[in-house]
Amino acid sequence: MSTHAQANFCRGELATALRKGPYQVNILLGGFDKKQGGSLYFLDHMASLQKVPYGSQGYASNFCLSIMDRAYLPGQCTEEAALKIIRQCIAELKIRFLLSQPNFIIKVVDKDGVRVVDFGADPADN
C-alpha cells in the first residue's frame, strides 16, 4: 500500500469514527514510495487530510513551523539542509520552550528505510 493510500485510508477511518462519537487525533504520516518518492501527510482531528512538505505538531510547532517556513526551499532541500533546519528547531526549543527536553531523536525516512540520526544524549542514559 502506498503512502498516499495509507493516508486516505486513515482519513476515511477517522471520518467514520467522528460520526460515531468524539474522537481526536492529529497525525503526521510519512513514507517513501518508489514511484512518488518521499511524502508527508497531515491529518487533523476533523479528518482533514493535506499533503505537506514539512510538519510539526503540538506546542513545539509554534516555534518550529516559523523556522521551517523561512528555511525550507522547495526543490532545493537536501538531507543535510533538512538536518540543519531540524537542528535550528531544536536549538530554538531549548531556548524558548517551557519544558526542558534535552534528548531528541531524529529519524530519516528514505528509499533505504528508516534510520536514526544521532543527536544529543541517549534517552536511555537518563
Protein backbone atom coordinates (compact mmCIF):
# COMPACT_ATOMS: atom_id res chain seq x y z
CA MET A 1 0.00 0.00 0.00
CA SER A 2 1.38 3.41 -0.95
CA THR A 3 1.81 6.28 1.50
CA HIS A 4 -0.98 8.15 -0.34
CA ALA A 5 -3.30 5.15 0.05
CA GLN A 6 -2.45 4.78 3.74
CA ALA A 7 -3.14 8.46 4.39
CA ASN A 8 -6.51 8.28 2.64
CA PHE A 9 -7.41 5.07 4.48
CA CYS A 10 -6.65 6.76 7.82
CA ARG A 11 -8.72 9.76 6.77
CA GLY A 12 -11.69 7.52 5.93
CA GLU A 13 -11.43 5.64 9.21
CA LEU A 14 -11.25 8.86 11.22
CA ALA A 15 -14.21 10.36 9.32
CA THR A 16 -16.25 7.25 10.15
CA ALA A 17 -15.20 7.35 13.81
CA LEU A 18 -16.16 11.03 14.09
CA ARG A 19 -19.74 10.17 13.12
CA LYS A 20 -20.00 7.60 15.90
CA GLY A 21 -18.64 9.68 18.76
CA PRO A 22 -15.94 12.08 19.88
CA TYR A 23 -12.53 11.09 18.68
CA GLN A 24 -9.38 13.20 18.49
CA VAL A 25 -6.15 12.52 16.70
CA ASN A 26 -3.55 14.54 14.82
CA ILE A 27 -1.15 12.60 12.62
CA LEU A 28 1.95 13.32 10.60
CA LEU A 29 2.18 10.30 8.31
CA GLY A 30 5.28 9.94 6.16
CA GLY A 31 6.63 7.31 3.85
CA PHE A 32 8.61 6.55 0.71
CA ASP A 33 7.19 5.06 -2.47
CA LYS A 34 9.28 4.01 -5.47
CA LYS A 35 7.03 5.88 -7.93
CA GLN A 36 6.35 9.09 -5.98
CA GLY A 37 9.38 9.27 -3.69
CA GLY A 38 9.03 10.60 -0.16
CA SER A 39 5.78 12.16 1.00
CA LEU A 40 4.34 13.58 4.20
CA TYR A 41 0.67 14.00 5.10
CA PHE A 42 -1.00 15.90 7.92
CA LEU A 43 -4.32 14.54 9.21
CA ASP A 44 -6.09 16.66 11.81
CA HIS A 45 -8.78 15.85 14.38
CA MET A 46 -11.57 16.73 11.93
CA ALA A 47 -10.33 14.18 9.34
CA SER A 48 -8.90 16.88 7.06
CA LEU A 49 -6.00 15.47 5.04
CA GLN A 50 -3.30 17.60 3.43
CA LYS A 51 -0.01 16.69 1.73
CA VAL A 52 2.69 18.92 3.23
CA PRO A 53 6.42 19.47 2.52
CA TYR A 54 7.26 19.62 6.27
CA GLY A 55 5.44 19.46 9.57
CA SER A 56 5.46 19.82 13.32
CA GLN A 57 2.84 19.18 15.98
CA GLY A 58 1.92 20.31 19.44
CA TYR A 59 3.26 23.31 21.29
CA ALA A 60 6.64 22.92 19.59
CA SER A 61 5.02 23.76 16.27
CA ASN A 62 4.59 27.37 17.44
CA PHE A 63 8.36 27.74 17.23
CA CYS A 64 9.37 25.16 14.62
CA LEU A 65 6.92 25.97 11.82
CA SER A 66 8.16 29.56 11.57
CA ILE A 67 11.74 28.32 11.21
CA MET A 68 10.67 25.75 8.61
CA ASP A 69 8.67 28.38 6.68
CA ARG A 70 11.73 30.60 6.49
CA ALA A 71 14.44 27.98 5.85
CA TYR A 72 12.71 25.40 3.63
CA LEU A 73 13.33 25.93 -0.10
CA PRO A 74 11.15 23.73 -2.36
CA GLY A 75 13.19 21.54 -4.67
CA GLN A 76 16.47 22.57 -3.04
CA CYS A 77 16.26 20.84 0.33
CA THR A 78 18.87 18.10 0.60
CA GLU A 79 19.13 15.75 3.57
CA GLU A 80 21.94 17.90 5.00
CA ALA A 81 19.84 21.06 4.64
CA ALA A 82 16.87 19.33 6.31
CA LEU A 83 19.04 18.22 9.24
CA LYS A 84 20.32 21.79 9.58
CA ILE A 85 16.70 23.04 9.78
CA ILE A 86 15.86 20.41 12.40
CA ARG A 87 18.89 21.40 14.46
CA GLN A 88 17.77 25.04 14.29
CA CYS A 89 14.33 23.97 15.56
CA ILE A 90 15.86 22.00 18.43
CA ALA A 91 18.12 24.94 19.36
CA GLU A 92 15.08 27.26 19.39
CA LEU A 93 13.12 24.83 21.57
CA LYS A 94 15.97 24.66 24.06
CA ILE A 95 15.87 28.46 24.37
CA ARG A 96 12.15 29.24 24.23
CA PHE A 97 10.15 26.12 25.12
CA LEU A 98 8.53 25.90 28.53
CA LEU A 99 9.77 22.38 29.31
CA SER A 100 13.38 21.28 29.26
CA GLN A 101 13.76 18.37 26.87
CA PRO A 102 17.44 17.52 26.49
CA ASN A 103 17.04 14.41 24.33
CA PHE A 104 15.86 14.39 20.72
CA ILE A 105 15.85 11.57 18.20
CA ILE A 106 15.93 12.45 14.52
CA LYS A 107 14.83 9.75 12.07
CA VAL A 108 15.29 9.82 8.31
CA VAL A 109 12.80 8.04 6.05
CA ASP A 110 14.06 7.37 2.53
CA LYS A 111 14.33 4.66 -0.13
CA ASP A 112 16.65 2.66 2.15
CA GLY A 113 14.12 2.54 5.01
CA VAL A 114 14.13 4.32 8.36
CA ARG A 115 17.35 5.19 10.13
CA VAL A 116 18.17 7.14 13.27
CA VAL A 117 20.46 10.14 13.10
CA ASP A 118 22.19 10.51 16.48
CA PHE A 119 21.61 13.85 18.09
CA GLY A 120 22.08 14.78 21.72
CA ALA A 121 22.28 12.31 24.56
CA ASP A 122 20.89 8.80 24.59
CA PRO A 123 17.43 8.86 26.29
CA ALA A 124 18.30 5.53 27.98
CA ASP A 125 21.10 7.26 29.92
CA ASN A 126 18.64 9.35 31.98
